[in-house]
Protein backbone atom coordinates (compact mmCIF):
# COMPACT_ATOMS: atom_id res chain seq x y z
CA UNK A 1 -22.30 -67.22 32.34
CA UNK A 2 -18.71 -68.08 31.55
CA UNK A 3 -17.79 -70.58 28.83
CA UNK A 4 -18.03 -74.27 29.64
CA UNK A 5 -16.42 -75.28 32.92
CA UNK A 6 -14.56 -78.36 34.03
CA UNK A 7 -16.17 -79.29 37.36
CA UNK A 8 -14.46 -81.87 39.55
CA UNK A 9 -16.69 -83.66 42.06
CA UNK A 10 -15.59 -85.18 45.37
CA UNK A 11 -18.27 -87.82 45.99
CA UNK A 12 -18.19 -89.74 49.27
CA UNK A 13 -21.19 -92.07 49.02
CA UNK A 14 -22.29 -93.93 45.91
CA UNK A 15 -25.89 -92.69 46.01
CA UNK A 16 -25.20 -89.10 47.14
CA UNK A 17 -24.60 -87.77 43.65
CA UNK A 18 -24.58 -84.14 42.43
CA UNK A 19 -28.34 -84.56 42.01
CA UNK A 20 -30.00 -81.67 40.20
CA UNK A 21 -26.59 -80.09 39.59
CA UNK A 22 -26.19 -82.69 36.83
CA UNK A 23 -28.96 -81.35 34.54
CA UNK A 24 -27.80 -77.78 35.25
CA UNK A 25 -24.28 -78.69 34.13
CA UNK A 26 -25.60 -80.46 31.05
CA UNK A 27 -27.70 -77.43 30.08
CA UNK A 28 -24.59 -75.24 30.12
CA UNK A 29 -22.21 -77.69 28.51
CA UNK A 30 -20.06 -78.08 31.62
CA UNK A 31 -18.08 -81.30 32.01
CA UNK A 32 -17.83 -83.28 35.25
CA UNK A 33 -15.04 -85.50 36.51
CA UNK A 34 -15.16 -87.46 39.75
CA UNK A 35 -13.17 -88.70 42.69
CA UNK A 36 -15.19 -91.58 44.15
CA UNK A 37 -14.20 -92.06 47.77
CA UNK A 38 -15.97 -95.41 48.05
CA UNK A 39 -13.49 -96.80 45.50
CA UNK A 40 -10.55 -98.81 46.80
CA UNK A 41 -7.97 -96.32 45.55
CA UNK A 42 -9.61 -92.91 45.07
CA UNK A 43 -7.46 -90.53 43.05
CA UNK A 44 -7.36 -86.74 43.00
CA UNK A 45 -6.67 -84.68 39.89
CA UNK A 46 -3.97 -82.07 39.47
CA UNK A 47 -5.15 -78.51 39.94
CA UNK A 48 -4.64 -77.63 36.28
CA UNK A 49 -7.20 -80.18 35.08
CA UNK A 50 -10.33 -78.56 36.52
CA UNK A 51 -11.86 -75.09 36.93
CA UNK A 52 -14.15 -75.60 39.94
CA UNK A 53 -14.61 -78.08 42.77
CA UNK A 54 -17.87 -79.58 44.07
CA UNK A 55 -17.66 -81.33 47.46
CA UNK A 56 -20.69 -83.50 48.25
CA UNK A 57 -22.25 -84.98 51.38
CA UNK A 58 -21.65 -88.22 53.24
CA UNK A 59 -22.20 -90.05 56.52
CA UNK A 60 -18.63 -89.70 57.81
CA UNK A 61 -17.37 -86.91 60.08
CA UNK A 62 -14.50 -84.67 59.02
CA UNK A 63 -12.22 -85.90 61.83
CA UNK A 64 -12.65 -89.65 61.25
CA UNK A 65 -9.21 -89.91 59.68
CA UNK A 66 -8.41 -93.24 61.35
CA UNK A 67 -11.43 -94.84 59.69
CA UNK A 68 -11.22 -92.85 56.45
CA UNK A 69 -7.54 -91.93 55.93
CA UNK A 70 -8.32 -90.06 52.73
CA UNK A 71 -10.06 -87.32 54.74
CA UNK A 72 -6.65 -85.84 55.56
CA UNK A 73 -5.60 -85.55 51.93
CA UNK A 74 -9.08 -84.40 50.89
CA UNK A 75 -8.98 -81.45 53.30
CA UNK A 76 -5.52 -80.53 52.06
CA UNK A 77 -6.74 -80.77 48.45
CA UNK A 78 -9.67 -78.45 49.21
CA UNK A 79 -7.28 -75.99 50.85
CA UNK A 80 -4.99 -76.10 47.81
CA UNK A 81 -7.89 -75.60 45.41
CA UNK A 82 -9.03 -72.52 47.33
CA UNK A 83 -5.49 -71.14 47.45
CA UNK A 84 -5.24 -71.67 43.69
CA UNK A 85 -8.33 -69.51 43.15
CA UNK A 86 -10.69 -72.30 42.12
CA UNK A 87 -14.40 -71.92 42.70
CA UNK A 88 -15.39 -74.32 45.48
CA UNK A 89 -18.94 -75.34 46.42
CA UNK A 90 -19.55 -77.66 49.38
CA UNK A 91 -22.81 -79.30 50.45
CA UNK A 92 -23.49 -80.84 53.89
CA UNK A 93 -20.32 -82.85 54.67
CA UNK A 94 -18.73 -80.83 51.87
CA UNK A 95 -19.48 -77.60 53.71
CA UNK A 96 -18.00 -79.06 56.89
CA UNK A 97 -14.87 -80.15 55.01
CA UNK A 98 -14.42 -76.63 53.62
CA UNK A 99 -14.76 -75.19 57.12
CA UNK A 100 -12.23 -77.68 58.49
CA UNK A 101 -9.83 -77.06 55.61
CA UNK A 102 -9.94 -73.35 56.43
CA UNK A 103 -9.17 -73.93 60.11
CA UNK A 104 -12.68 -73.63 61.58
CA UNK A 105 -14.03 -76.12 64.12
CA UNK A 106 -16.48 -78.85 63.10
CA UNK A 107 -18.36 -80.62 65.89
CA UNK A 108 -21.61 -82.31 66.90
CA UNK A 109 -24.56 -79.97 66.73
CA UNK A 110 -26.99 -79.53 69.59
CA UNK A 111 -29.70 -81.27 67.55
CA UNK A 112 -29.67 -83.77 64.70
CA UNK A 113 -31.63 -82.33 61.78
CA UNK A 114 -33.30 -84.68 59.29
CA UNK A 115 -36.18 -83.59 57.06
CA UNK A 116 -37.55 -80.49 55.40
CA UNK A 117 -37.12 -77.56 57.79
CA UNK A 118 -37.13 -73.77 57.44
CA UNK A 119 -33.92 -71.82 57.30
CA UNK A 120 -33.55 -68.07 57.61
CA UNK A 121 -31.15 -66.20 55.36
CA UNK A 122 -29.28 -63.40 57.06
CA UNK A 123 -29.87 -59.79 56.02
CA UNK A 124 -26.40 -59.85 54.46
CA UNK A 125 -27.32 -62.92 52.42
CA UNK A 126 -30.55 -61.41 51.10
CA UNK A 127 -28.55 -58.36 50.02
CA UNK A 128 -25.88 -60.56 48.42
CA UNK A 129 -26.10 -60.99 44.62
CA UNK A 130 -26.02 -64.78 44.95
CA UNK A 131 -29.03 -64.95 47.29
CA UNK A 132 -31.30 -62.04 46.38
CA UNK A 133 -33.78 -64.42 44.74
CA UNK A 134 -34.33 -66.36 47.99
CA UNK A 135 -37.01 -65.51 50.57
CA UNK A 136 -37.49 -66.09 54.30
CA UNK A 137 -38.38 -68.54 55.67
CA UNK A 138 -37.02 -71.00 53.13
CA UNK A 139 -37.73 -74.73 53.26
CA UNK A 140 -34.79 -76.99 52.45
CA UNK A 141 -33.88 -80.61 53.08
CA UNK A 142 -31.44 -81.43 55.88
CA UNK A 143 -29.68 -84.60 56.98
CA UNK A 144 -26.85 -83.91 59.43
CA UNK A 145 -25.73 -84.13 63.03
CA UNK A 146 -22.53 -82.08 62.83
CA UNK A 147 -22.10 -78.35 62.36
CA UNK A 148 -19.26 -75.88 61.84
CA UNK A 149 -17.98 -72.53 62.99
CA UNK A 150 -17.80 -69.79 60.36
CA UNK A 151 -14.18 -69.53 59.13
CA UNK A 152 -12.31 -66.29 59.56
CA UNK A 153 -12.96 -63.90 56.69
CA UNK A 154 -16.16 -65.71 55.64
CA UNK A 155 -19.66 -64.25 55.51
CA UNK A 156 -22.38 -66.00 57.51
CA UNK A 157 -25.40 -66.51 55.25
CA UNK A 158 -28.10 -68.65 56.86
CA UNK A 159 -29.35 -70.14 60.12
CA UNK A 160 -32.03 -72.48 61.48
CA UNK A 161 -33.50 -73.21 64.89
CA UNK A 162 -31.59 -76.48 65.14
CA UNK A 163 -28.36 -75.31 63.51
CA UNK A 164 -27.23 -71.66 63.77
CA UNK A 165 -24.59 -71.96 61.03
CA UNK A 166 -26.24 -73.17 57.83
CA UNK A 167 -24.13 -71.48 55.16
CA UNK A 168 -21.17 -69.20 54.51
CA UNK A 169 -19.29 -67.72 51.59
CA UNK A 170 -15.90 -66.23 50.92
CA UNK A 171 -16.23 -63.57 48.26
CA UNK A 172 -17.54 -65.10 45.06
CA UNK A 173 -15.10 -67.98 45.26
CA UNK A 174 -16.20 -70.29 48.09
CA UNK A 175 -19.75 -71.30 49.00
CA UNK A 176 -20.66 -73.77 51.76
CA UNK A 177 -24.24 -74.99 52.30
CA UNK A 178 -25.25 -77.30 55.15
CA UNK A 179 -28.63 -77.95 53.49
CA UNK A 180 -29.38 -79.90 50.30
CA UNK A 181 -30.67 -77.75 47.46
CA UNK A 182 -29.36 -80.38 45.02
CA UNK A 183 -31.59 -83.11 46.45
CA UNK A 184 -33.73 -85.17 44.07
CA UNK A 185 -36.51 -87.63 44.82
CA UNK A 186 -34.25 -90.47 43.66
CA UNK A 187 -31.42 -89.57 46.04
CA UNK A 188 -33.91 -89.04 48.85
CA UNK A 189 -35.39 -92.47 48.24
CA UNK A 190 -31.90 -94.03 48.44
CA UNK A 191 -31.01 -92.10 51.60
CA UNK A 192 -34.18 -93.31 53.30
CA UNK A 193 -33.46 -96.87 52.19
CA UNK A 194 -29.83 -96.87 53.36
CA UNK A 195 -29.96 -94.61 56.43
CA UNK A 196 -33.62 -94.61 57.40
CA UNK A 197 -32.85 -96.14 60.79
CA UNK A 198 -31.75 -92.66 61.90
CA UNK A 199 -35.36 -91.54 61.67
CA UNK A 200 -36.18 -93.85 64.57
CA UNK A 201 -34.05 -91.74 66.93
CA UNK A 202 -35.80 -89.26 69.18
CA UNK A 203 -35.32 -85.61 68.35
CA UNK A 204 -37.31 -82.44 67.82
CA UNK A 205 -35.90 -82.04 64.33
CA UNK A 206 -36.03 -85.62 63.09
CA UNK A 207 -38.97 -86.08 60.73
CA UNK A 208 -40.60 -89.40 59.93
CA UNK A 209 -40.29 -90.98 56.50
CA UNK A 210 -43.98 -90.21 55.94
CA UNK A 211 -43.48 -86.53 56.80
CA UNK A 212 -40.51 -86.32 54.45
CA UNK A 213 -42.41 -87.93 51.59
CA UNK A 214 -45.31 -85.52 52.09
CA UNK A 215 -42.99 -82.55 51.67
CA UNK A 216 -41.03 -83.78 48.69
CA UNK A 217 -42.71 -81.19 46.45
CA UNK A 218 -40.34 -78.60 47.96
CA UNK A 219 -37.60 -80.07 45.79
CA UNK A 220 -39.06 -78.43 42.70
CA UNK A 221 -38.63 -74.92 44.14
CA UNK A 222 -35.22 -75.87 45.53
CA UNK A 223 -34.03 -76.87 42.06
CA UNK A 224 -35.26 -73.65 40.46
CA UNK A 225 -33.49 -71.56 43.09
CA UNK A 226 -30.35 -73.69 42.92
CA UNK A 227 -30.08 -73.29 39.14
CA UNK A 228 -30.17 -69.51 39.48
CA UNK A 229 -27.68 -69.64 42.36
CA UNK A 230 -25.30 -71.78 40.28
CA UNK A 231 -25.67 -69.44 37.31
CA UNK A 232 -24.62 -66.54 39.50
CA UNK A 233 -21.88 -68.34 41.44
CA UNK A 234 -20.11 -69.88 38.47
CA UNK A 235 -20.79 -66.93 36.20
CA UNK A 236 -18.89 -64.39 38.33
């Protein structure tokens, strides 16, 4: 593990926090700064004030620039951070924003995916140092309707029945995850309270609130695996 890092977080929704990344950062003495996009005037830092970028989830789509004008500058900021050699980790919307910033298409998936569902890591992922500790199938929490193409030069890492492109990486610098390894029971409770109406939609891969609550124990394994993944990603 490197010395303490300055992690800057792009947070789009008040209750979609870094989740279990927070105790991991605290354990290692890493500091976190934030851009809160629900604020009236969100501000972005200069590139010299942080070492790594964490891009979180949210309900908006990457192309909704008329409704959320800051999406344009956020994608440019992500592109600049990558070009500057910063480590960049994106989750859910964050993964889609990374893909868009790198010129890949982001679009509505063939199925909305909400709940705990299995993903399959590719053979390349299971041979990759970052993912060798994962196994197939792997249960992770999902809440998304959009998906992305894999950017040029990136390595495809994971898939699911509902969403073929679940993760990609670029070397040891960029990591994009469609699924939520950082999820906590508190965030999940808030998501169900604020966006639970989506569970009433029909869909093969839309779980009920009861089904989700019954599977919440998966979060413990997710956190253990995420901590090791973060150790590897930020320590290389």
